[in-house]
Amino acid sequence: MEERNPRVLEVTGAALPTWVRQRAAALKARANTSIRAAVGINQEPPPRCNDPAVAYTPVDGVSRLVHGDLASMLIGGLASLFFQMLHPLAMAGVAQHSRYQRDPLGRMLQTANFIGATTYGSKQDAYAAIERVRAVHEAVRGVADDGRPYAASDPHLLLWVHCAEISMFLAGYERFGRDTLRAGEADAYVAETALLALDLGVASPPTSVAQLRACLEAFRPELRLSPEGALARDFITRGVVRGAAHRMAYWVIVRSSYALMEPWAREMLGVRLAPRGERWILRPIARQLCRGLRVAVPPAPRVSPN
């Protein structure tokens, strides 16, 4: 029988010394803080509402599964920003009223807090967050570069933003998420998020993947990359992260977010990907990056229906 090194036995399995486990936990906590800070999340998440009678979204719903995986949400969330900027009226509202260039991490924190409140919060917390957003929307009005007026409270523009967001969140999870979605869960996700869309002022949000795709297709004649959109694309592509490791990880996330979009949307956005390089090089690297992120920031566990 092969003799095993006793030193290996001392540091594997249950024999790990207490100081090793403590050191590993400390490193994990430090990585958690570093990653969250790099994407603008510098606060602890609020406590989850796990009472089905009080929670805004189903406690065993797909929304909590998808939104609870920070790794895939980073890629899907960035893709949703690129996608949204293809609507010139929506982009005009962002360019003229948002502080995304002066305080991009603060903007991301606001978005993260809103998603957290409406995914994991109580109805009371979610409605409070929704009312704050609706109040902001009422003040976001102006004229786009082509002379057309816009209003962030316009149900049609709200529909575009909603569809662009959830389509990319879903695509990000389907490609990079921890678990494989079960039959019917993609449709369930679209249906669950429709409640939030209605409360935000969308008149008739999609409730299935088929309806979501049809809605996005219907928007295509309205889309183009405006000069303001090109500036936003370049700003987000460059990023604001510091440090070589963070910049490399951000580059992978950006390129992976492009890959989630349909070819026609990438063409409209003015970005190119080599299909073979994306599939055989970029995608495996992104999946490894996601695995590493999950070690530092564990995703929400899947909750089975009672």
C-alpha atoms as a PDB file:
ATOM      1  CA  MET A   1       0.000   0.000   0.000  1.00  0.00           C
ATOM      2  CA  GLU A   2       1.235   3.488  -0.888  1.00  0.00           C
ATOM      3  CA  GLU A   3       2.387   5.464   2.112  1.00  0.00           C
ATOM      4  CA  ARG A   4       0.748   8.860   2.412  1.00  0.00           C
ATOM      5  CA  ASN A   5       2.478  11.995   3.624  1.00  0.00           C
ATOM      6  CA  PRO A   6       1.406  12.647   7.229  1.00  0.00           C
ATOM      7  CA  ARG A   7       1.573  16.393   6.653  1.00  0.00           C
ATOM      8  CA  VAL A   8      -1.082  16.053   3.954  1.00  0.00           C
ATOM      9  CA  LEU A   9      -3.287  14.151   6.373  1.00  0.00           C
ATOM     10  CA  GLU A  10      -3.011  16.980   8.855  1.00  0.00           C
ATOM     11  CA  VAL A  11      -4.408  19.605   6.497  1.00  0.00           C
ATOM     12  CA  THR A  12      -7.136  17.731   4.618  1.00  0.00           C
ATOM     13  CA  GLY A  13     -10.733  16.906   5.429  1.00  0.00           C
ATOM     14  CA  ALA A  14     -11.917  17.086   9.013  1.00  0.00           C
ATOM     15  CA  ALA A  15      -8.292  17.147  10.239  1.00  0.00           C
ATOM     16  CA  LEU A  16      -7.853  20.758   9.156  1.00  0.00           C
ATOM     17  CA  PRO A  17      -6.469  22.676  12.141  1.00  0.00           C
ATOM     18  CA  THR A  18      -8.659  25.375  13.638  1.00  0.00           C
ATOM     19  CA  TRP A  19      -6.244  28.124  12.616  1.00  0.00           C
ATOM     20  CA  VAL A  20      -6.433  27.004   8.967  1.00  0.00           C
ATOM     21  CA  ARG A  21     -10.221  27.079   8.998  1.00  0.00           C
ATOM     22  CA  GLN A  22     -10.187  30.501  10.674  1.00  0.00           C
ATOM     23  CA  ARG A  23      -7.692  31.815   8.145  1.00  0.00           C
ATOM     24  CA  ALA A  24      -9.774  30.497   5.259  1.00  0.00           C
ATOM     25  CA  ALA A  25     -12.906  32.100   6.723  1.00  0.00           C
ATOM     26  CA  ALA A  26     -11.081  35.417   7.129  1.00  0.00           C
ATOM     27  CA  LEU A  27      -9.847  35.323   3.527  1.00  0.00           C
ATOM     28  CA  LYS A  28     -13.351  34.502   2.320  1.00  0.00           C
ATOM     29  CA  ALA A  29     -14.815  37.402   4.307  1.00  0.00           C
ATOM     30  CA  ARG A  30     -12.166  39.754   2.934  1.00  0.00           C
ATOM     31  CA  ALA A  31     -12.857  38.603  -0.620  1.00  0.00           C
ATOM     32  CA  ASN A  32     -16.591  39.040  -0.026  1.00  0.00           C
ATOM     33  CA  THR A  33     -16.076  42.639   1.099  1.00  0.00           C
ATOM     34  CA  SER A  34     -13.653  43.388  -1.748  1.00  0.00           C
ATOM     35  CA  ILE A  35     -15.946  42.019  -4.457  1.00  0.00           C
ATOM     36  CA  ARG A  36     -19.036  43.745  -3.113  1.00  0.00           C
ATOM     37  CA  ALA A  37     -17.171  47.053  -2.787  1.00  0.00           C
ATOM     38  CA  ALA A  38     -15.823  46.733  -6.350  1.00  0.00           C
ATOM     39  CA  VAL A  39     -19.390  46.699  -7.686  1.00  0.00           C
ATOM     40  CA  GLY A  40     -20.639  49.428  -5.374  1.00  0.00           C
ATOM     41  CA  ILE A  41     -22.283  47.240  -2.723  1.00  0.00           C
ATOM     42  CA  ASN A  42     -20.822  48.533   0.522  1.00  0.00           C
ATOM     43  CA  GLN A  43     -23.696  47.655   2.825  1.00  0.00           C
ATOM     44  CA  GLU A  44     -24.879  44.401   4.280  1.00  0.00           C
ATOM     45  CA  PRO A  45     -28.029  43.095   2.579  1.00  0.00           C
ATOM     46  CA  PRO A  46     -31.238  43.659   4.536  1.00  0.00           C
ATOM     47  CA  PRO A  47     -32.804  40.677   6.306  1.00  0.00           C
ATOM     48  CA  ARG A  48     -34.958  38.489   4.101  1.00  0.00           C
ATOM     49  CA  CYS A  49     -38.666  38.227   4.560  1.00  0.00           C
ATOM     50  CA  ASN A  50     -39.401  34.498   4.530  1.00  0.00           C
ATOM     51  CA  ASP A  51     -43.050  34.723   5.550  1.00  0.00           C
ATOM     52  CA  PRO A  52     -45.141  33.808   2.472  1.00  0.00           C
ATOM     53  CA  ALA A  53     -48.019  35.913   3.744  1.00  0.00           C
ATOM     54  CA  VAL A  54     -45.886  39.046   4.013  1.00  0.00           C
ATOM     55  CA  ALA A  55     -43.172  38.666   1.338  1.00  0.00           C
ATOM     56  CA  TYR A  56     -43.516  40.691  -1.860  1.00  0.00           C
ATOM     57  CA  THR A  57     -42.264  37.855  -4.079  1.00  0.00           C
ATOM     58  CA  PRO A  58     -42.788  34.114  -3.486  1.00  0.00           C
ATOM     59  CA  VAL A  59     -40.257  32.859  -0.955  1.00  0.00           C
ATOM     60  CA  ASP A  60     -39.767  29.737  -3.091  1.00  0.00           C
ATOM     61  CA  GLY A  61     -39.903  31.685  -6.351  1.00  0.00           C
ATOM     62  CA  VAL A  62     -37.467  31.738  -9.230  1.00  0.00           C
ATOM     63  CA  SER A  63     -36.794  35.464  -8.752  1.00  0.00           C
ATOM     64  CA  ARG A  64     -34.979  34.764  -5.504  1.00  0.00           C
ATOM     65  CA  LEU A  65     -32.918  32.072  -7.180  1.00  0.00           C
ATOM     66  CA  VAL A  66     -31.910  34.241 -10.155  1.00  0.00           C
ATOM     67  CA  HIS A  67     -31.361  37.510  -8.295  1.00  0.00           C
ATOM     68  CA  GLY A  68     -29.521  35.781  -5.466  1.00  0.00           C
ATOM     69  CA  ASP A  69     -26.616  34.695  -7.669  1.00  0.00           C
ATOM     70  CA  LEU A  70     -24.343  37.744  -7.698  1.00  0.00           C
ATOM     71  CA  ALA A  71     -21.931  36.196 -10.208  1.00  0.00           C
ATOM     72  CA  SER A  72     -24.446  35.748 -13.022  1.00  0.00           C
ATOM     73  CA  MET A  73     -26.305  38.939 -12.055  1.00  0.00           C
ATOM     74  CA  LEU A  74     -23.143  40.972 -12.651  1.00  0.00           C
ATOM     75  CA  ILE A  75     -22.989  39.712 -16.224  1.00  0.00           C
ATOM     76  CA  GLY A  76     -26.732  39.873 -16.844  1.00  0.00           C
ATOM     77  CA  GLY A  77     -27.008  43.266 -15.179  1.00  0.00           C
ATOM     78  CA  LEU A  78     -24.269  44.776 -17.317  1.00  0.00           C
ATOM     79  CA  ALA A  79     -25.884  43.276 -20.420  1.00  0.00           C
ATOM     80  CA  SER A  80     -29.187  44.874 -19.422  1.00  0.00           C
ATOM     81  CA  LEU A  81     -27.514  48.296 -19.273  1.00  0.00           C
ATOM     82  CA  PHE A  82     -26.055  47.870 -22.749  1.00  0.00           C
ATOM     83  CA  PHE A  83     -29.409  46.655 -24.049  1.00  0.00           C
ATOM     84  CA  GLN A  84     -31.412  49.486 -22.456  1.00  0.00           C
ATOM     85  CA  MET A  85     -29.204  52.185 -23.983  1.00  0.00           C
ATOM     86  CA  LEU A  86     -30.352  51.153 -27.463  1.00  0.00           C
ATOM     87  CA  HIS A  87     -33.646  52.994 -26.930  1.00  0.00           C
ATOM     88  CA  PRO A  88     -32.878  56.676 -27.607  1.00  0.00           C
ATOM     89  CA  LEU A  89     -35.650  58.002 -25.361  1.00  0.00           C
ATOM     90  CA  ALA A  90     -34.699  55.802 -22.417  1.00  0.00           C
ATOM     91  CA  MET A  91     -31.034  56.710 -22.967  1.00  0.00           C
ATOM     92  CA  ALA A  92     -31.855  60.418 -23.080  1.00  0.00           C
ATOM     93  CA  GLY A  93     -33.466  60.161 -19.663  1.00  0.00           C
ATOM     94  CA  VAL A  94     -30.398  58.454 -18.239  1.00  0.00           C
ATOM     95  CA  ALA A  95     -27.943  60.873 -19.862  1.00  0.00           C
ATOM     96  CA  GLN A  96     -29.799  64.021 -18.826  1.00  0.00           C
ATOM     97  CA  HIS A  97     -30.922  63.041 -15.329  1.00  0.00           C
ATOM     98  CA  SER A  98     -28.594  60.327 -14.044  1.00  0.00           C
ATOM     99  CA  ARG A  99     -25.278  60.713 -12.243  1.00  0.00           C
ATOM    100  CA  TYR A 100     -23.913  57.490 -13.697  1.00  0.00           C
ATOM    101  CA  GLN A 101     -20.658  59.116 -14.882  1.00  0.00           C
ATOM    102  CA  ARG A 102     -20.025  61.076 -11.678  1.00  0.00           C
ATOM    103  CA  ASP A 103     -20.974  58.263  -9.296  1.00  0.00           C
ATOM    104  CA  PRO A 104     -21.323  54.948 -11.173  1.00  0.00           C
ATOM    105  CA  LEU A 105     -20.895  52.795  -8.067  1.00  0.00           C
ATOM    106  CA  GLY A 106     -23.524  54.804  -6.215  1.00  0.00           C
ATOM    107  CA  ARG A 107     -25.895  54.257  -9.134  1.00  0.00           C
ATOM    108  CA  MET A 108     -25.205  50.519  -8.988  1.00  0.00           C
ATOM    109  CA  LEU A 109     -25.820  50.506  -5.239  1.00  0.00           C
ATOM    110  CA  GLN A 110     -29.217  52.128  -5.734  1.00  0.00           C
ATOM    111  CA  THR A 111     -30.135  49.498  -8.307  1.00  0.00           C
ATOM    112  CA  ALA A 112     -28.892  46.671  -6.087  1.00  0.00           C
ATOM    113  CA  ASN A 113     -30.883  48.003  -3.123  1.00  0.00           C
ATOM    114  CA  PHE A 114     -34.041  48.245  -5.234  1.00  0.00           C
ATOM    115  CA  ILE A 115     -33.661  44.700  -6.560  1.00  0.00           C
ATOM    116  CA  GLY A 116     -32.984  43.453  -3.035  1.00  0.00           C
ATOM    117  CA  ALA A 117     -36.037  45.187  -1.559  1.00  0.00           C
ATOM    118  CA  THR A 118     -38.393  43.968  -4.276  1.00  0.00           C
ATOM    119  CA  THR A 119     -36.993  40.439  -4.352  1.00  0.00           C
ATOM    120  CA  TYR A 120     -36.382  39.604  -0.703  1.00  0.00           C
ATOM    121  CA  GLY A 121     -38.287  42.261   1.212  1.00  0.00           C
ATOM    122  CA  SER A 122     -41.740  42.403   2.694  1.00  0.00           C
ATOM    123  CA  LYS A 123     -44.609  43.955   0.803  1.00  0.00           C
ATOM    124  CA  GLN A 124     -44.230  47.054   2.964  1.00  0.00           C
ATOM    125  CA  ASP A 125     -40.516  47.410   2.136  1.00  0.00           C
ATOM    126  CA  ALA A 126     -41.065  46.685  -1.558  1.00  0.00           C
ATOM    127  CA  TYR A 127     -43.915  49.172  -1.918  1.00  0.00           C
ATOM    128  CA  ALA A 128     -41.821  51.846  -0.205  1.00  0.00           C
ATOM    129  CA  ALA A 129     -38.962  51.239  -2.659  1.00  0.00           C
ATOM    130  CA  ILE A 130     -41.373  51.255  -5.616  1.00  0.00           C
ATOM    131  CA  GLU A 131     -42.928  54.549  -4.543  1.00  0.00           C
ATOM    132  CA  ARG A 132     -39.480  56.147  -4.290  1.00  0.00           C
ATOM    133  CA  VAL A 133     -38.659  55.044  -7.831  1.00  0.00           C
ATOM    134  CA  ARG A 134     -42.016  56.241  -9.160  1.00  0.00           C
ATOM    135  CA  ALA A 135     -41.449  59.639  -7.554  1.00  0.00           C
ATOM    136  CA  VAL A 136     -38.056  59.896  -9.264  1.00  0.00           C
ATOM    137  CA  HIS A 137     -39.591  58.883 -12.581  1.00  0.00           C
ATOM    138  CA  GLU A 138     -42.125  61.708 -12.383  1.00  0.00           C
ATOM    139  CA  ALA A 139     -39.292  64.236 -12.403  1.00  0.00           C
ATOM    140  CA  VAL A 140     -37.400  62.654 -15.318  1.00  0.00           C
ATOM    141  CA  ARG A 141     -38.695  64.461 -18.383  1.00  0.00           C
ATOM    142  CA  GLY A 142     -37.045  66.160 -21.329  1.00  0.00           C
ATOM    143  CA  VAL A 143     -36.326  66.134 -25.029  1.00  0.00           C
ATOM    144  CA  ALA A 144     -34.157  63.551 -26.796  1.00  0.00           C
ATOM    145  CA  ASP A 145     -31.515  64.309 -29.425  1.00  0.00           C
ATOM    146  CA  ASP A 146     -34.063  63.880 -32.226  1.00  0.00           C
ATOM    147  CA  GLY A 147     -36.457  66.433 -30.722  1.00  0.00           C
ATOM    148  CA  ARG A 148     -38.953  63.966 -29.292  1.00  0.00           C
ATOM    149  CA  PRO A 149     -40.169  64.501 -25.732  1.00  0.00           C
ATOM    150  CA  TYR A 150     -39.802  61.698 -23.219  1.00  0.00           C
ATOM    151  CA  ALA A 151     -40.955  60.895 -19.697  1.00  0.00           C
ATOM    152  CA  ALA A 152     -39.555  58.139 -17.514  1.00  0.00           C
ATOM    153  CA  SER A 153     -43.069  57.446 -16.243  1.00  0.00           C
ATOM    154  CA  ASP A 154     -44.269  56.621 -19.785  1.00  0.00           C
ATOM    155  CA  PRO A 155     -45.661  53.053 -19.558  1.00  0.00           C
ATOM    156  CA  HIS A 156     -44.185  52.250 -22.971  1.00  0.00           C
ATOM    157  CA  LEU A 157     -40.641  53.217 -21.922  1.00  0.00           C
ATOM    158  CA  LEU A 158     -41.110  51.421 -18.618  1.00  0.00           C
ATOM    159  CA  LEU A 159     -42.059  48.302 -20.578  1.00  0.00           C
ATOM    160  CA  TRP A 160     -38.849  48.549 -22.603  1.00  0.00           C
ATOM    161  CA  VAL A 161     -36.662  48.906 -19.520  1.00  0.00           C
ATOM    162  CA  HIS A 162     -38.446  46.043 -17.783  1.00  0.00           C
ATOM    163  CA  CYS A 163     -38.148  43.671 -20.744  1.00  0.00           C
ATOM    164  CA  ALA A 164     -34.508  44.572 -21.376  1.00  0.00           C
ATOM    165  CA  GLU A 165     -33.653  43.957 -17.718  1.00  0.00           C
ATOM    166  CA  ILE A 166     -35.383  40.674 -17.093  1.00  0.00           C
ATOM    167  CA  SER A 167     -34.367  39.207 -20.455  1.00  0.00           C
ATOM    168  CA  MET A 168     -30.691  39.785 -19.638  1.00  0.00           C
ATOM    169  CA  PHE A 169     -31.005  38.730 -15.982  1.00  0.00           C
ATOM    170  CA  LEU A 170     -32.596  35.505 -17.167  1.00  0.00           C
ATOM    171  CA  ALA A 171     -30.061  34.971 -19.964  1.00  0.00           C
ATOM    172  CA  GLY A 172     -27.218  35.588 -17.522  1.00  0.00           C
ATOM    173  CA  TYR A 173     -28.522  32.989 -15.107  1.00  0.00           C
ATOM    174  CA  GLU A 174     -29.265  30.435 -17.807  1.00  0.00           C
ATOM    175  CA  ARG A 175     -25.688  30.672 -19.078  1.00  0.00           C
ATOM    176  CA  PHE A 176     -23.690  31.331 -15.909  1.00  0.00           C
ATOM    177  CA  GLY A 177     -25.988  30.584 -12.967  1.00  0.00           C
ATOM    178  CA  ARG A 178     -25.200  28.038 -10.291  1.00  0.00           C
ATOM    179  CA  ASP A 179     -28.188  25.777 -11.007  1.00  0.00           C
ATOM    180  CA  THR A 180     -29.908  24.695 -14.186  1.00  0.00           C
ATOM    181  CA  LEU A 181     -33.429  26.091 -14.353  1.00  0.00           C
ATOM    182  CA  ARG A 182     -36.076  23.402 -14.306  1.00  0.00           C
ATOM    183  CA  ALA A 183     -38.900  23.062 -16.802  1.00  0.00           C
ATOM    184  CA  GLY A 184     -41.244  26.005 -16.514  1.00  0.00           C
ATOM    185  CA  GLU A 185     -38.989  28.065 -14.245  1.00  0.00           C
ATOM    186  CA  ALA A 186     -38.009  30.563 -16.954  1.00  0.00           C
ATOM    187  CA  ASP A 187     -41.690  31.276 -17.600  1.00  0.00           C
ATOM    188  CA  ALA A 188     -42.279  31.483 -13.851  1.00  0.00           C
ATOM    189  CA  TYR A 189     -39.503  34.079 -13.550  1.00  0.00           C
ATOM    190  CA  VAL A 190     -41.071  36.279 -16.214  1.00  0.00           C
ATOM    191  CA  ALA A 191     -44.479  35.935 -14.547  1.00  0.00           C
ATOM    192  CA  GLU A 192     -43.101  36.765 -11.079  1.00  0.00           C
ATOM    193  CA  THR A 193     -41.332  39.895 -12.296  1.00  0.00           C
ATOM    194  CA  ALA A 194     -44.492  41.064 -14.078  1.00  0.00           C
ATOM    195  CA  LEU A 195     -45.939  41.976 -10.666  1.00  0.00           C
ATOM    196  CA  LEU A 196     -43.154  44.480 -10.090  1.00  0.00           C
ATOM    197  CA  ALA A 197     -43.589  45.883 -13.599  1.00  0.00           C
ATOM    198  CA  LEU A 198     -47.289  46.463 -12.967  1.00  0.00           C
ATOM    199  CA  ASP A 199     -46.581  48.239  -9.684  1.00  0.00           C
ATOM    200  CA  LEU A 200     -44.010  50.456 -11.420  1.00  0.00           C
ATOM    201  CA  GLY A 201     -46.565  51.521 -14.029  1.00  0.00           C
ATOM    202  CA  VAL A 202     -46.198  49.085 -16.931  1.00  0.00           C
ATOM    203  CA  ALA A 203     -49.609  48.543 -18.476  1.00  0.00           C
ATOM    204  CA  SER A 204     -49.301  44.962 -19.742  1.00  0.00           C
ATOM    205  CA  PRO A 205     -45.970  43.265 -18.994  1.00  0.00           C
ATOM    206  CA  PRO A 206     -45.141  39.844 -20.470  1.00  0.00           C
ATOM    207  CA  THR A 207     -45.846  36.811 -18.306  1.00  0.00           C
ATOM    208  CA  SER A 208     -43.983  34.147 -20.294  1.00  0.00           C
ATOM    209  CA  VAL A 209     -40.710  33.819 -22.168  1.00  0.00           C
ATOM    210  CA  ALA A 210     -42.571  33.712 -25.485  1.00  0.00           C
ATOM    211  CA  GLN A 211     -44.354  36.976 -24.681  1.00  0.00           C
ATOM    212  CA  LEU A 212     -41.071  38.522 -23.534  1.00  0.00           C
ATOM    213  CA  ARG A 213     -39.355  37.662 -26.810  1.00  0.00           C
ATOM    214  CA  ALA A 214     -42.286  38.963 -28.822  1.00  0.00           C
ATOM    215  CA  CYS A 215     -42.243  42.210 -26.863  1.00  0.00           C
ATOM    216  CA  LEU A 216     -38.532  42.758 -27.459  1.00  0.00           C
ATOM    217  CA  GLU A 217     -38.974  42.024 -31.153  1.00  0.00           C
ATOM    218  CA  ALA A 218     -41.749  44.616 -31.339  1.00  0.00           C
ATOM    219  CA  PHE A 219     -39.385  47.263 -29.957  1.00  0.00           C
ATOM    220  CA  ARG A 220     -36.720  46.741 -32.637  1.00  0.00           C
ATOM    221  CA  PRO A 221     -37.973  49.488 -35.023  1.00  0.00           C
ATOM    222  CA  GLU A 222     -37.620  52.020 -32.181  1.00  0.00           C
ATOM    223  CA  LEU A 223     -34.028  51.144 -31.327  1.00  0.00           C
ATOM    224  CA  ARG A 224     -30.783  52.782 -32.390  1.00  0.00           C
ATOM    225  CA  LEU A 225     -27.532  53.818 -30.753  1.00  0.00           C
ATOM    226  CA  SER A 226     -27.780  57.544 -30.112  1.00  0.00           C
ATOM    227  CA  PRO A 227     -24.681  59.705 -29.483  1.00  0.00           C
ATOM    228  CA  GLU A 228     -25.579  59.656 -25.783  1.00  0.00           C
ATOM    229  CA  GLY A 229     -25.827  55.876 -25.975  1.00  0.00           C
ATOM    230  CA  ALA A 230     -22.385  55.623 -27.573  1.00  0.00           C
ATOM    231  CA  LEU A 231     -20.893  57.698 -24.750  1.00  0.00           C
ATOM    232  CA  ALA A 232     -22.570  55.475 -22.165  1.00  0.00           C
ATOM    233  CA  ARG A 233     -21.392  52.327 -23.965  1.00  0.00           C
ATOM    234  CA  ASP A 234     -17.794  53.523 -23.966  1.00  0.00           C
ATOM    235  CA  PHE A 235     -17.939  54.657 -20.341  1.00  0.00           C
ATOM    236  CA  ILE A 236     -19.359  51.354 -19.095  1.00  0.00           C
ATOM    237  CA  THR A 237     -16.993  49.334 -21.284  1.00  0.00           C
ATOM    238  CA  ARG A 238     -13.964  51.089 -19.772  1.00  0.00           C
ATOM    239  CA  GLY A 239     -15.293  50.615 -16.249  1.00  0.00           C
ATOM    240  CA  VAL A 240     -14.193  52.277 -13.031  1.00  0.00           C
ATOM    241  CA  VAL A 241     -12.618  49.339 -11.211  1.00  0.00           C
ATOM    242  CA  ARG A 242      -9.041  49.603 -10.011  1.00  0.00           C
ATOM    243  CA  GLY A 243      -6.278  47.052  -9.817  1.00  0.00           C
ATOM    244  CA  ALA A 244      -5.051  44.672 -12.503  1.00  0.00           C
ATOM    245  CA  ALA A 245      -7.035  41.679 -11.229  1.00  0.00           C
ATOM    246  CA  HIS A 246     -10.290  43.647 -10.995  1.00  0.00           C
ATOM    247  CA  ARG A 247      -9.777  45.152 -14.447  1.00  0.00           C
ATOM    248  CA  MET A 248      -9.185  41.742 -15.995  1.00  0.00           C
ATOM    249  CA  ALA A 249     -12.266  40.304 -14.289  1.00  0.00           C
ATOM    250  CA  TYR A 250     -14.293  43.313 -15.443  1.00  0.00           C
ATOM    251  CA  TRP A 251     -13.112  42.810 -19.024  1.00  0.00           C
ATOM    252  CA  VAL A 252     -14.345  39.205 -18.891  1.00  0.00           C
ATOM    253  CA  ILE A 253     -17.698  40.341 -17.482  1.00  0.00           C
ATOM    254  CA  VAL A 254     -18.115  43.025 -20.156  1.00  0.00           C
ATOM    255  CA  ARG A 255     -17.319  40.684 -23.038  1.00  0.00           C
ATOM    256  CA  SER A 256     -19.569  38.001 -21.539  1.00  0.00           C
ATOM    257  CA  SER A 257     -22.404  40.521 -21.229  1.00  0.00           C
ATOM    258  CA  TYR A 258     -22.076  41.325 -24.940  1.00  0.00           C
ATOM    259  CA  ALA A 259     -22.398  37.616 -25.688  1.00  0.00           C
ATOM    260  CA  LEU A 260     -25.776  37.419 -23.929  1.00  0.00           C
ATOM    261  CA  MET A 261     -27.294  39.824 -26.425  1.00  0.00           C
ATOM    262  CA  GLU A 262     -28.782  38.826 -29.756  1.00  0.00           C
ATOM    263  CA  PRO A 263     -26.468  39.398 -32.749  1.00  0.00           C
ATOM    264  CA  TRP A 264     -28.711  42.199 -34.069  1.00  0.00           C
ATOM    265  CA  ALA A 265     -28.457  44.024 -30.727  1.00  0.00           C
ATOM    266  CA  ARG A 266     -24.659  43.687 -30.646  1.00  0.00           C
ATOM    267  CA  GLU A 267     -24.471  45.007 -34.186  1.00  0.00           C
ATOM    268  CA  MET A 268     -26.661  47.962 -33.262  1.00  0.00           C
ATOM    269  CA  LEU A 269     -24.507  48.567 -30.184  1.00  0.00           C
ATOM    270  CA  GLY A 270     -21.393  48.523 -32.360  1.00  0.00           C
ATOM    271  CA  VAL A 271     -19.544  45.679 -30.640  1.00  0.00           C
ATOM    272  CA  ARG A 272     -18.102  42.528 -32.161  1.00  0.00           C
ATOM    273  CA  LEU A 273     -17.375  39.063 -30.828  1.00  0.00           C
ATOM    274  CA  ALA A 274     -15.564  36.153 -32.412  1.00  0.00           C
ATOM    275  CA  PRO A 275     -18.122  33.314 -32.034  1.00  0.00           C
ATOM    276  CA  ARG A 276     -15.545  30.552 -31.606  1.00  0.00           C
ATOM    277  CA  GLY A 277     -13.441  32.585 -29.209  1.00  0.00           C
ATOM    278  CA  GLU A 278     -16.503  33.462 -27.148  1.00  0.00           C
ATOM    279  CA  ARG A 279     -17.705  29.877 -26.961  1.00  0.00           C
ATOM    280  CA  TRP A 280     -14.427  28.062 -26.398  1.00  0.00           C
ATOM    281  CA  ILE A 281     -12.300  30.627 -24.570  1.00  0.00           C
ATOM    282  CA  LEU A 282     -14.307  33.492 -23.077  1.00  0.00           C
ATOM    283  CA  ARG A 283     -17.269  31.465 -21.824  1.00  0.00           C
ATOM    284  CA  PRO A 284     -15.179  28.868 -19.906  1.00  0.00           C
ATOM    285  CA  ILE A 285     -13.114  31.664 -18.343  1.00  0.00           C
ATOM    286  CA  ALA A 286     -16.298  33.492 -17.317  1.00  0.00           C
ATOM    287  CA  ARG A 287     -17.699  30.331 -15.756  1.00  0.00           C
ATOM    288  CA  GLN A 288     -14.536  29.859 -13.728  1.00  0.00           C
ATOM    289  CA  LEU A 289     -14.738  33.486 -12.643  1.00  0.00           C
ATOM    290  CA  CYS A 290     -18.340  32.955 -11.551  1.00  0.00           C
ATOM    291  CA  ARG A 291     -17.338  29.904  -9.523  1.00  0.00           C
ATOM    292  CA  GLY A 292     -14.664  31.938  -7.792  1.00  0.00           C
ATOM    293  CA  LEU A 293     -17.121  34.739  -7.047  1.00  0.00           C
ATOM    294  CA  ARG A 294     -19.535  32.243  -5.513  1.00  0.00           C
ATOM    295  CA  VAL A 295     -16.862  31.049  -3.094  1.00  0.00           C
ATOM    296  CA  ALA A 296     -16.501  34.597  -1.789  1.00  0.00           C
ATOM    297  CA  VAL A 297     -20.177  35.590  -2.129  1.00  0.00           C
ATOM    298  CA  PRO A 298     -22.320  32.437  -1.864  1.00  0.00           C
ATOM    299  CA  PRO A 299     -25.605  32.614  -3.793  1.00  0.00           C
ATOM    300  CA  ALA A 300     -28.999  32.192  -2.260  1.00  0.00           C
ATOM    301  CA  PRO A 301     -29.973  28.536  -1.871  1.00  0.00           C
ATOM    302  CA  ARG A 302     -32.807  27.095  -3.898  1.00  0.00           C
ATOM    303  CA  VAL A 303     -35.972  26.928  -1.789  1.00  0.00           C
ATOM    304  CA  SER A 304     -38.298  24.048  -2.556  1.00  0.00           C
ATOM    305  CA  PRO A 305     -42.066  24.565  -2.421  1.00  0.00           C
ATOM    306  CA  ASN A 306     -43.720  23.288   0.738  1.00  0.00           C
END
